[in-house]
Amino acid sequence: MNATVAMILTLAVGTYALRLVGPALHGRVELPARVRELLSAGAVVLLVALLATGALTEGGGFAGWARPAAVLVGAVLAWRRAPFPVVVLGAAVTAGVLRSAGVA
């Protein structure tokens, strides 16, 4: 067994164990309100950082202006509660039009 397979199995077992711990400890462990607030804020910060990294960078450098513009259009459409297919198509069309116009 090579190291990659061992790592995948280790991560799979760890993930499964974490999924079992949640229901087993539900109701037995009470987190303070401040910790719950920090966990919620941490999740939001992590998702925003992931979105920013994916929207702005490619291969360690700036991805160009078409991708951030498309993400912005998609975000505005989602904020305006447009249906999901409309959000995806709006972002894709924005990126396509900007790239065909020569905006990288």
PDB file of N, CA and C in Angstrom:
ATOM      1  N   MET A   1       0.859  -1.171   0.000  1.00  0.00           N
ATOM      2  CA  MET A   1       0.000   0.000   0.000  1.00  0.00           C
ATOM      3  C   MET A   1       0.909   1.240   0.000  1.00  0.00           C
ATOM      4  N   ASN A   2       0.664   2.132  -0.954  1.00  0.00           N
ATOM      5  CA  ASN A   2       1.516   3.316  -1.002  1.00  0.00           C
ATOM      6  C   ASN A   2       0.986   4.409  -0.066  1.00  0.00           C
ATOM      7  N   ALA A   3       1.734   5.483   0.059  1.00  0.00           N
ATOM      8  CA  ALA A   3       1.402   6.546   1.009  1.00  0.00           C
ATOM      9  C   ALA A   3       0.103   7.249   0.650  1.00  0.00           C
ATOM     10  N   THR A   4      -0.197   7.379  -0.633  1.00  0.00           N
ATOM     11  CA  THR A   4      -1.420   8.065  -1.039  1.00  0.00           C
ATOM     12  C   THR A   4      -2.658   7.292  -0.595  1.00  0.00           C
ATOM     13  N   VAL A   5      -2.652   5.995  -0.802  1.00  0.00           N
ATOM     14  CA  VAL A   5      -3.791   5.170  -0.389  1.00  0.00           C
ATOM     15  C   VAL A   5      -3.931   5.190   1.132  1.00  0.00           C
ATOM     16  N   ALA A   6      -2.820   5.134   1.841  1.00  0.00           N
ATOM     17  CA  ALA A   6      -2.864   5.185   3.304  1.00  0.00           C
ATOM     18  C   ALA A   6      -3.445   6.511   3.785  1.00  0.00           C
ATOM     19  N   MET A   7      -3.065   7.607   3.148  1.00  0.00           N
ATOM     20  CA  MET A   7      -3.583   8.918   3.540  1.00  0.00           C
ATOM     21  C   MET A   7      -5.080   9.021   3.252  1.00  0.00           C
ATOM     22  N   ILE A   8      -5.501   8.516   2.109  1.00  0.00           N
ATOM     23  CA  ILE A   8      -6.922   8.551   1.765  1.00  0.00           C
ATOM     24  C   ILE A   8      -7.736   7.741   2.774  1.00  0.00           C
ATOM     25  N   LEU A   9      -7.250   6.567   3.126  1.00  0.00           N
ATOM     26  CA  LEU A   9      -7.955   5.743   4.117  1.00  0.00           C
ATOM     27  C   LEU A   9      -7.983   6.418   5.486  1.00  0.00           C
ATOM     28  N   THR A  10      -6.884   7.038   5.877  1.00  0.00           N
ATOM     29  CA  THR A  10      -6.840   7.741   7.155  1.00  0.00           C
ATOM     30  C   THR A  10      -7.839   8.886   7.184  1.00  0.00           C
ATOM     31  N   LEU A  11      -7.878   9.665   6.119  1.00  0.00           N
ATOM     32  CA  LEU A  11      -8.836  10.767   6.051  1.00  0.00           C
ATOM     33  C   LEU A  11     -10.278  10.259   6.026  1.00  0.00           C
ATOM     34  N   ALA A  12     -10.527   9.151   5.345  1.00  0.00           N
ATOM     35  CA  ALA A  12     -11.874   8.589   5.298  1.00  0.00           C
ATOM     36  C   ALA A  12     -12.318   8.138   6.687  1.00  0.00           C
ATOM     37  N   VAL A  13     -11.430   7.455   7.407  1.00  0.00           N
ATOM     38  CA  VAL A  13     -11.764   7.004   8.764  1.00  0.00           C
ATOM     39  C   VAL A  13     -11.979   8.204   9.680  1.00  0.00           C
ATOM     40  N   GLY A  14     -11.135   9.221   9.570  1.00  0.00           N
ATOM     41  CA  GLY A  14     -11.294  10.421  10.389  1.00  0.00           C
ATOM     42  C   GLY A  14     -12.591  11.142  10.104  1.00  0.00           C
ATOM     43  N   THR A  15     -12.944  11.248   8.831  1.00  0.00           N
ATOM     44  CA  THR A  15     -14.199  11.904   8.458  1.00  0.00           C
ATOM     45  C   THR A  15     -15.387  11.132   9.012  1.00  0.00           C
ATOM     46  N   TYR A  16     -15.364   9.821   8.870  1.00  0.00           N
ATOM     47  CA  TYR A  16     -16.449   8.992   9.377  1.00  0.00           C
ATOM     48  C   TYR A  16     -16.558   9.122  10.896  1.00  0.00           C
ATOM     49  N   ALA A  17     -15.418   9.141  11.587  1.00  0.00           N
ATOM     50  CA  ALA A  17     -15.425   9.281  13.043  1.00  0.00           C
ATOM     51  C   ALA A  17     -16.021  10.620  13.467  1.00  0.00           C
ATOM     52  N   LEU A  18     -15.658  11.691  12.762  1.00  0.00           N
ATOM     53  CA  LEU A  18     -16.222  13.004  13.091  1.00  0.00           C
ATOM     54  C   LEU A  18     -17.726  13.036  12.861  1.00  0.00           C
ATOM     55  N   ARG A  19     -18.186  12.362  11.823  1.00  0.00           N
ATOM     56  CA  ARG A  19     -19.623  12.317  11.550  1.00  0.00           C
ATOM     57  C   ARG A  19     -20.365  11.534  12.628  1.00  0.00           C
ATOM     58  N   LEU A  20     -19.730  10.540  13.227  1.00  0.00           N
ATOM     59  CA  LEU A  20     -20.357   9.776  14.301  1.00  0.00           C
ATOM     60  C   LEU A  20     -20.353  10.529  15.630  1.00  0.00           C
ATOM     61  N   VAL A  21     -19.333  11.339  15.859  1.00  0.00           N
ATOM     62  CA  VAL A  21     -19.207  12.053  17.123  1.00  0.00           C
ATOM     63  C   VAL A  21     -20.318  13.090  17.279  1.00  0.00           C
ATOM     64  N   GLY A  22     -20.722  13.743  16.190  1.00  0.00           N
ATOM     65  CA  GLY A  22     -21.758  14.769  16.267  1.00  0.00           C
ATOM     66  C   GLY A  22     -23.044  14.268  16.902  1.00  0.00           C
ATOM     67  N   PRO A  23     -23.691  13.246  16.328  1.00  0.00           N
ATOM     68  CA  PRO A  23     -24.920  12.740  16.948  1.00  0.00           C
ATOM     69  C   PRO A  23     -24.690  12.121  18.336  1.00  0.00           C
ATOM     70  N   ALA A  24     -23.527  11.528  18.559  1.00  0.00           N
ATOM     71  CA  ALA A  24     -23.264  10.903  19.853  1.00  0.00           C
ATOM     72  C   ALA A  24     -23.157  11.937  20.969  1.00  0.00           C
ATOM     73  N   LEU A  25     -22.619  13.112  20.670  1.00  0.00           N
ATOM     74  CA  LEU A  25     -22.438  14.145  21.695  1.00  0.00           C
ATOM     75  C   LEU A  25     -23.556  15.186  21.706  1.00  0.00           C
ATOM     76  N   HIS A  26     -24.476  15.085  20.768  1.00  0.00           N
ATOM     77  CA  HIS A  26     -25.567  16.064  20.701  1.00  0.00           C
ATOM     78  C   HIS A  26     -26.371  16.035  22.002  1.00  0.00           C
ATOM     79  N   GLY A  27     -26.495  17.180  22.625  1.00  0.00           N
ATOM     80  CA  GLY A  27     -27.234  17.278  23.871  1.00  0.00           C
ATOM     81  C   GLY A  27     -26.387  17.034  25.105  1.00  0.00           C
ATOM     82  N   ARG A  28     -25.225  16.427  24.953  1.00  0.00           N
ATOM     83  CA  ARG A  28     -24.351  16.162  26.102  1.00  0.00           C
ATOM     84  C   ARG A  28     -23.340  17.266  26.319  1.00  0.00           C
ATOM     85  N   VAL A  29     -22.935  17.897  25.236  1.00  0.00           N
ATOM     86  CA  VAL A  29     -21.946  18.962  25.328  1.00  0.00           C
ATOM     87  C   VAL A  29     -22.622  20.266  24.939  1.00  0.00           C
ATOM     88  N   GLU A  30     -22.533  21.246  25.799  1.00  0.00           N
ATOM     89  CA  GLU A  30     -23.140  22.550  25.533  1.00  0.00           C
ATOM     90  C   GLU A  30     -22.027  23.575  25.354  1.00  0.00           C
ATOM     91  N   LEU A  31     -21.969  24.171  24.168  1.00  0.00           N
ATOM     92  CA  LEU A  31     -20.961  25.197  23.911  1.00  0.00           C
ATOM     93  C   LEU A  31     -21.466  26.544  24.399  1.00  0.00           C
ATOM     94  N   PRO A  32     -20.582  27.343  24.971  1.00  0.00           N
ATOM     95  CA  PRO A  32     -20.994  28.696  25.367  1.00  0.00           C
ATOM     96  C   PRO A  32     -21.416  29.518  24.149  1.00  0.00           C
ATOM     97  N   ALA A  33     -22.250  30.501  24.377  1.00  0.00           N
ATOM     98  CA  ALA A  33     -22.770  31.325  23.281  1.00  0.00           C
ATOM     99  C   ALA A  33     -21.638  32.006  22.518  1.00  0.00           C
ATOM    100  N   ARG A  34     -20.625  32.457  23.214  1.00  0.00           N
ATOM    101  CA  ARG A  34     -19.498  33.135  22.556  1.00  0.00           C
ATOM    102  C   ARG A  34     -18.762  32.184  21.600  1.00  0.00           C
ATOM    103  N   VAL A  35     -18.582  30.940  22.001  1.00  0.00           N
ATOM    104  CA  VAL A  35     -17.905  29.959  21.147  1.00  0.00           C
ATOM    105  C   VAL A  35     -18.754  29.686  19.908  1.00  0.00           C
ATOM    106  N   ARG A  36     -20.070  29.570  20.076  1.00  0.00           N
ATOM    107  CA  ARG A  36     -20.949  29.353  18.912  1.00  0.00           C
ATOM    108  C   ARG A  36     -20.873  30.531  17.948  1.00  0.00           C
ATOM    109  N   GLU A  37     -20.833  31.758  18.480  1.00  0.00           N
ATOM    110  CA  GLU A  37     -20.709  32.946  17.625  1.00  0.00           C
ATOM    111  C   GLU A  37     -19.388  32.928  16.865  1.00  0.00           C
ATOM    112  N   LEU A  38     -18.302  32.587  17.556  1.00  0.00           N
ATOM    113  CA  LEU A  38     -16.997  32.544  16.911  1.00  0.00           C
ATOM    114  C   LEU A  38     -16.927  31.458  15.847  1.00  0.00           C
ATOM    115  N   LEU A  39     -17.521  30.297  16.102  1.00  0.00           N
ATOM    116  CA  LEU A  39     -17.546  29.235  15.098  1.00  0.00           C
ATOM    117  C   LEU A  39     -18.343  29.655  13.871  1.00  0.00           C
ATOM    118  N   SER A  40     -19.454  30.336  14.090  1.00  0.00           N
ATOM    119  CA  SER A  40     -20.261  30.808  12.968  1.00  0.00           C
ATOM    120  C   SER A  40     -19.497  31.852  12.164  1.00  0.00           C
ATOM    121  N   ALA A  41     -18.878  32.799  12.842  1.00  0.00           N
ATOM    122  CA  ALA A  41     -18.093  33.821  12.146  1.00  0.00           C
ATOM    123  C   ALA A  41     -16.904  33.196  11.429  1.00  0.00           C
ATOM    124  N   GLY A  42     -16.273  32.219  12.042  1.00  0.00           N
ATOM    125  CA  GLY A  42     -15.140  31.542  11.413  1.00  0.00           C
ATOM    126  C   GLY A  42     -15.541  30.829  10.136  1.00  0.00           C
ATOM    127  N   ALA A  43     -16.714  30.217  10.132  1.00  0.00           N
ATOM    128  CA  ALA A  43     -17.190  29.547   8.926  1.00  0.00           C
ATOM    129  C   ALA A  43     -17.429  30.553   7.804  1.00  0.00           C
ATOM    130  N   VAL A  44     -17.993  31.696   8.136  1.00  0.00           N
ATOM    131  CA  VAL A  44     -18.235  32.726   7.125  1.00  0.00           C
ATOM    132  C   VAL A  44     -16.913  33.253   6.577  1.00  0.00           C
ATOM    133  N   VAL A  45     -15.959  33.523   7.452  1.00  0.00           N
ATOM    134  CA  VAL A  45     -14.653  34.025   7.014  1.00  0.00           C
ATOM    135  C   VAL A  45     -13.956  33.005   6.113  1.00  0.00           C
ATOM    136  N   LEU A  46     -14.030  31.736   6.475  1.00  0.00           N
ATOM    137  CA  LEU A  46     -13.404  30.691   5.673  1.00  0.00           C
ATOM    138  C   LEU A  46     -14.040  30.609   4.280  1.00  0.00           C
ATOM    139  N   LEU A  47     -15.359  30.683   4.210  1.00  0.00           N
ATOM    140  CA  LEU A  47     -16.036  30.631   2.910  1.00  0.00           C
ATOM    141  C   LEU A  47     -15.720  31.857   2.057  1.00  0.00           C
ATOM    142  N   VAL A  48     -15.654  33.029   2.658  1.00  0.00           N
ATOM    143  CA  VAL A  48     -15.312  34.242   1.911  1.00  0.00           C
ATOM    144  C   VAL A  48     -13.879  34.165   1.396  1.00  0.00           C
ATOM    145  N   ALA A  49     -12.965  33.663   2.220  1.00  0.00           N
ATOM    146  CA  ALA A  49     -11.572  33.517   1.780  1.00  0.00           C
ATOM    147  C   ALA A  49     -11.466  32.529   0.627  1.00  0.00           C
ATOM    148  N   LEU A  50     -12.209  31.440   0.701  1.00  0.00           N
ATOM    149  CA  LEU A  50     -12.212  30.463  -0.381  1.00  0.00           C
ATOM    150  C   LEU A  50     -12.786  31.069  -1.653  1.00  0.00           C
ATOM    151  N   LEU A  51     -13.860  31.816  -1.528  1.00  0.00           N
ATOM    152  CA  LEU A  51     -14.461  32.480  -2.687  1.00  0.00           C
ATOM    153  C   LEU A  51     -13.492  33.488  -3.297  1.00  0.00           C
ATOM    154  N   ALA A  52     -12.855  34.290  -2.467  1.00  0.00           N
ATOM    155  CA  ALA A  52     -11.925  35.297  -2.974  1.00  0.00           C
ATOM    156  C   ALA A  52     -10.732  34.646  -3.671  1.00  0.00           C
ATOM    157  N   THR A  53     -10.213  33.589  -3.080  1.00  0.00           N
ATOM    158  CA  THR A  53      -9.076  32.901  -3.691  1.00  0.00           C
ATOM    159  C   THR A  53      -9.462  32.305  -5.034  1.00  0.00           C
ATOM    160  N   GLY A  54     -10.614  31.655  -5.092  1.00  0.00           N
ATOM    161  CA  GLY A  54     -11.061  31.048  -6.343  1.00  0.00           C
ATOM    162  C   GLY A  54     -11.427  32.061  -7.405  1.00  0.00           C
ATOM    163  N   ALA A  55     -11.937  33.215  -6.972  1.00  0.00           N
ATOM    164  CA  ALA A  55     -12.390  34.219  -7.929  1.00  0.00           C
ATOM    165  C   ALA A  55     -11.263  35.095  -8.457  1.00  0.00           C
ATOM    166  N   LEU A  56     -10.227  35.277  -7.675  1.00  0.00           N
ATOM    167  CA  LEU A  56      -9.206  36.250  -8.043  1.00  0.00           C
ATOM    168  C   LEU A  56      -7.884  35.662  -8.506  1.00  0.00           C
ATOM    169  N   THR A  57      -7.621  34.398  -8.196  1.00  0.00           N
ATOM    170  CA  THR A  57      -6.307  33.849  -8.521  1.00  0.00           C
ATOM    171  C   THR A  57      -6.406  32.610  -9.399  1.00  0.00           C
ATOM    172  N   GLU A  58      -5.340  32.409 -10.161  1.00  0.00           N
ATOM    173  CA  GLU A  58      -5.197  31.196 -10.968  1.00  0.00           C
ATOM    174  C   GLU A  58      -3.709  30.930 -11.137  1.00  0.00           C
ATOM    175  N   GLY A  59      -3.263  29.795 -10.705  1.00  0.00           N
ATOM    176  CA  GLY A  59      -1.852  29.441 -10.837  1.00  0.00           C
ATOM    177  C   GLY A  59      -0.931  30.360 -10.054  1.00  0.00           C
ATOM    178  N   GLY A  60      -1.388  30.885  -8.927  1.00  0.00           N
ATOM    179  CA  GLY A  60      -0.550  31.732  -8.097  1.00  0.00           C
ATOM    180  C   GLY A  60      -0.537  33.193  -8.494  1.00  0.00           C
ATOM    181  N   GLY A  61      -1.260  33.556  -9.543  1.00  0.00           N
ATOM    182  CA  GLY A  61      -1.308  34.946  -9.984  1.00  0.00           C
ATOM    183  C   GLY A  61      -2.741  35.423 -10.181  1.00  0.00           C
ATOM    184  N   PHE A  62      -2.863  36.665 -10.588  1.00  0.00           N
ATOM    185  CA  PHE A  62      -4.186  37.249 -10.809  1.00  0.00           C
ATOM    186  C   PHE A  62      -4.863  36.562 -11.985  1.00  0.00           C
ATOM    187  N   ALA A  63      -6.143  36.248 -11.846  1.00  0.00           N
ATOM    188  CA  ALA A  63      -6.880  35.486 -12.861  1.00  0.00           C
ATOM    189  C   ALA A  63      -7.385  36.355 -14.004  1.00  0.00           C
ATOM    190  N   GLY A  64      -7.268  37.647 -13.899  1.00  0.00           N
ATOM    191  CA  GLY A  64      -7.814  38.530 -14.918  1.00  0.00           C
ATOM    192  C   GLY A  64      -9.132  39.123 -14.444  1.00  0.00           C
ATOM    193  N   TRP A  65      -9.699  39.996 -15.243  1.00  0.00           N
ATOM    194  CA  TRP A  65     -10.893  40.723 -14.822  1.00  0.00           C
ATOM    195  C   TRP A  65     -12.200  40.011 -15.144  1.00  0.00           C
ATOM    196  N   ALA A  66     -12.198  39.086 -16.078  1.00  0.00           N
ATOM    197  CA  ALA A  66     -13.444  38.427 -16.478  1.00  0.00           C
ATOM    198  C   ALA A  66     -13.999  37.565 -15.342  1.00  0.00           C
ATOM    199  N   ARG A  67     -13.149  36.810 -14.674  1.00  0.00           N
ATOM    200  CA  ARG A  67     -13.628  35.931 -13.608  1.00  0.00           C
ATOM    201  C   ARG A  67     -14.200  36.708 -12.425  1.00  0.00           C
ATOM    202  N   PRO A  68     -13.495  37.718 -11.875  1.00  0.00           N
ATOM    203  CA  PRO A  68     -14.102  38.468 -10.768  1.00  0.00           C
ATOM    204  C   PRO A  68     -15.400  39.171 -11.166  1.00  0.00           C
ATOM    205  N   ALA A  69     -15.467  39.653 -12.406  1.00  0.00           N
ATOM    206  CA  ALA A  69     -16.707  40.296 -12.860  1.00  0.00           C
ATOM    207  C   ALA A  69     -17.839  39.277 -12.917  1.00  0.00           C
ATOM    208  N   ALA A  70     -17.552  38.077 -13.388  1.00  0.00           N
ATOM    209  CA  ALA A  70     -18.571  37.032 -13.449  1.00  0.00           C
ATOM    210  C   ALA A  70     -19.020  36.628 -12.052  1.00  0.00           C
ATOM    211  N   VAL A  71     -18.088  36.526 -11.116  1.00  0.00           N
ATOM    212  CA  VAL A  71     -18.439  36.196  -9.732  1.00  0.00           C
ATOM    213  C   VAL A  71     -19.301  37.307  -9.139  1.00  0.00           C
ATOM    214  N   LEU A  72     -18.960  38.542  -9.425  1.00  0.00           N
ATOM    215  CA  LEU A  72     -19.753  39.662  -8.933  1.00  0.00           C
ATOM    216  C   LEU A  72     -21.172  39.619  -9.485  1.00  0.00           C
ATOM    217  N   VAL A  73     -21.319  39.361 -10.774  1.00  0.00           N
ATOM    218  CA  VAL A  73     -22.657  39.262 -11.378  1.00  0.00           C
ATOM    219  C   VAL A  73     -23.433  38.117 -10.741  1.00  0.00           C
ATOM    220  N   GLY A  74     -22.785  36.975 -10.563  1.00  0.00           N
ATOM    221  CA  GLY A  74     -23.445  35.852  -9.915  1.00  0.00           C
ATOM    222  C   GLY A  74     -23.857  36.163  -8.490  1.00  0.00           C
ATOM    223  N   ALA A  75     -23.000  36.869  -7.760  1.00  0.00           N
ATOM    224  CA  ALA A  75     -23.318  37.233  -6.380  1.00  0.00           C
ATOM    225  C   ALA A  75     -24.507  38.188  -6.318  1.00  0.00           C
ATOM    226  N   VAL A  76     -24.542  39.152  -7.222  1.00  0.00           N
ATOM    227  CA  VAL A  76     -25.665  40.100  -7.244  1.00  0.00           C
ATOM    228  C   VAL A  76     -26.961  39.372  -7.583  1.00  0.00           C
ATOM    229  N   LEU A  77     -26.905  38.477  -8.563  1.00  0.00           N
ATOM    230  CA  LEU A  77     -28.105  37.720  -8.921  1.00  0.00           C
ATOM    231  C   LEU A  77     -28.567  36.835  -7.767  1.00  0.00           C
ATOM    232  N   ALA A  78     -27.629  36.215  -7.067  1.00  0.00           N
ATOM    233  CA  ALA A  78     -27.993  35.384  -5.921  1.00  0.00           C
ATOM    234  C   ALA A  78     -28.579  36.236  -4.797  1.00  0.00           C
ATOM    235  N   TRP A  79     -27.986  37.401  -4.597  1.00  0.00           N
ATOM    236  CA  TRP A  79     -28.487  38.311  -3.567  1.00  0.00           C
ATOM    237  C   TRP A  79     -29.902  38.781  -3.887  1.00  0.00           C
ATOM    238  N   ARG A  80     -30.182  38.949  -5.170  1.00  0.00           N
ATOM    239  CA  ARG A  80     -31.528  39.363  -5.604  1.00  0.00           C
ATOM    240  C   ARG A  80     -32.491  38.178  -5.677  1.00  0.00           C
ATOM    241  N   ARG A  81     -32.020  37.023  -5.211  1.00  0.00           N
ATOM    242  CA  ARG A  81     -32.803  35.793  -5.126  1.00  0.00           C
ATOM    243  C   ARG A  81     -33.266  35.273  -6.486  1.00  0.00           C
ATOM    244  N   ALA A  82     -32.380  35.366  -7.450  1.00  0.00           N
ATOM    245  CA  ALA A  82     -32.663  34.793  -8.764  1.00  0.00           C
ATOM    246  C   ALA A  82     -32.537  33.270  -8.661  1.00  0.00           C
ATOM    247  N   PRO A  83     -33.251  32.543  -9.494  1.00  0.00           N
ATOM    248  CA  PRO A  83     -33.101  31.076  -9.477  1.00  0.00           C
ATOM    249  C   PRO A  83     -31.664  30.668  -9.795  1.00  0.00           C
ATOM    250  N   PHE A  84     -31.255  29.520  -9.256  1.00  0.00           N
ATOM    251  CA  PHE A  84     -29.879  29.068  -9.404  1.00  0.00           C
ATOM    252  C   PHE A  84     -29.428  28.975 -10.859  1.00  0.00           C
ATOM    253  N   PRO A  85     -30.239  28.412 -11.767  1.00  0.00           N
ATOM    254  CA  PRO A  85     -29.785  28.376 -13.171  1.00  0.00           C
ATOM    255  C   PRO A  85     -29.552  29.771 -13.750  1.00  0.00           C
ATOM    256  N   VAL A  86     -30.331  30.740 -13.330  1.00  0.00           N
ATOM    257  CA  VAL A  86     -30.141  32.119 -13.804  1.00  0.00           C
ATOM    258  C   VAL A  86     -28.831  32.681 -13.278  1.00  0.00           C
ATOM    259  N   VAL A  87     -28.506  32.382 -12.022  1.00  0.00           N
ATOM    260  CA  VAL A  87     -27.239  32.842 -11.430  1.00  0.00           C
ATOM    261  C   VAL A  87     -26.057  32.266 -12.203  1.00  0.00           C
ATOM    262  N   VAL A  88     -26.107  30.958 -12.448  1.00  0.00           N
ATOM    263  CA  VAL A  88     -24.999  30.296 -13.147  1.00  0.00           C
ATOM    264  C   VAL A  88     -24.881  30.815 -14.583  1.00  0.00           C
ATOM    265  N   LEU A  89     -25.998  30.913 -15.287  1.00  0.00           N
ATOM    266  CA  LEU A  89     -25.961  31.403 -16.671  1.00  0.00           C
ATOM    267  C   LEU A  89     -25.526  32.860 -16.738  1.00  0.00           C
ATOM    268  N   GLY A  90     -25.981  33.670 -15.801  1.00  0.00           N
ATOM    269  CA  GLY A  90     -25.574  35.075 -15.786  1.00  0.00           C
ATOM    270  C   GLY A  90     -24.071  35.229 -15.607  1.00  0.00           C
ATOM    271  N   ALA A  91     -23.519  34.458 -14.679  1.00  0.00           N
ATOM    272  CA  ALA A  91     -22.067  34.520 -14.465  1.00  0.00           C
ATOM    273  C   ALA A  91     -21.313  33.987 -15.682  1.00  0.00           C
ATOM    274  N   ALA A  92     -21.786  32.889 -16.265  1.00  0.00           N
ATOM    275  CA  ALA A  92     -21.113  32.309 -17.429  1.00  0.00           C
ATOM    276  C   ALA A  92     -21.172  33.238 -18.631  1.00  0.00           C
ATOM    277  N   VAL A  93     -22.309  33.845 -18.859  1.00  0.00           N
ATOM    278  CA  VAL A  93     -22.441  34.773 -19.992  1.00  0.00           C
ATOM    279  C   VAL A  93     -21.551  35.987 -19.787  1.00  0.00           C
ATOM    280  N   THR A  94     -21.502  36.489 -18.557  1.00  0.00           N
ATOM    281  CA  THR A  94     -20.633  37.635 -18.272  1.00  0.00           C
ATOM    282  C   THR A  94     -19.178  37.306 -18.568  1.00  0.00           C
ATOM    283  N   ALA A  95     -18.710  36.164 -18.077  1.00  0.00           N
ATOM    284  CA  ALA A  95     -17.327  35.768 -18.339  1.00  0.00           C
ATOM    285  C   ALA A  95     -17.093  35.554 -19.825  1.00  0.00           C
ATOM    286  N   GLY A  96     -18.033  34.931 -20.501  1.00  0.00           N
ATOM    287  CA  GLY A  96     -17.880  34.672 -21.929  1.00  0.00           C
ATOM    288  C   GLY A  96     -17.833  35.941 -22.754  1.00  0.00           C
ATOM    289  N   VAL A  97     -18.716  36.874 -22.442  1.00  0.00           N
ATOM    290  CA  VAL A  97     -18.746  38.143 -23.203  1.00  0.00           C
ATOM    291  C   VAL A  97     -17.462  38.928 -22.960  1.00  0.00           C
ATOM    292  N   LEU A  98     -17.021  39.013 -21.716  1.00  0.00           N
ATOM    293  CA  LEU A  98     -15.787  39.753 -21.429  1.00  0.00           C
ATOM    294  C   LEU A  98     -14.576  39.108 -22.059  1.00  0.00           C
ATOM    295  N   ARG A  99     -14.505  37.782 -22.038  1.00  0.00           N
ATOM    296  CA  ARG A  99     -13.353  37.110 -22.656  1.00  0.00           C
ATOM    297  C   ARG A  99     -13.386  37.225 -24.167  1.00  0.00           C
ATOM    298  N   SER A 100     -14.578  37.172 -24.764  1.00  0.00           N
ATOM    299  CA  SER A 100     -14.646  37.337 -26.226  1.00  0.00           C
ATOM    300  C   SER A 100     -14.337  38.769 -26.652  1.00  0.00           C
ATOM    301  N   ALA A 101     -14.530  39.711 -25.732  1.00  0.00           N
ATOM    302  CA  ALA A 101     -14.193  41.099 -26.014  1.00  0.00           C
ATOM    303  C   ALA A 101     -12.707  41.384 -25.780  1.00  0.00           C
ATOM    304  N   GLY A 102     -11.983  40.379 -25.305  1.00  0.00           N
ATOM    305  CA  GLY A 102     -10.552  40.563 -25.128  1.00  0.00           C
ATOM    306  C   GLY A 102     -10.150  40.894 -23.706  1.00  0.00           C
ATOM    307  N   VAL A 103     -11.100  40.928 -22.783  1.00  0.00           N
ATOM    308  CA  VAL A 103     -10.773  41.186 -21.383  1.00  0.00           C
ATOM    309  C   VAL A 103     -10.406  39.852 -20.756  1.00  0.00           C
ATOM    310  N   ALA A 104      -9.171  39.717 -20.354  1.00  0.00           N
ATOM    311  CA  ALA A 104      -8.735  38.435 -19.781  1.00  0.00           C
ATOM    312  C   ALA A 104      -9.126  38.438 -18.380  1.00  0.00           C
TER     313      ALA A 104
END
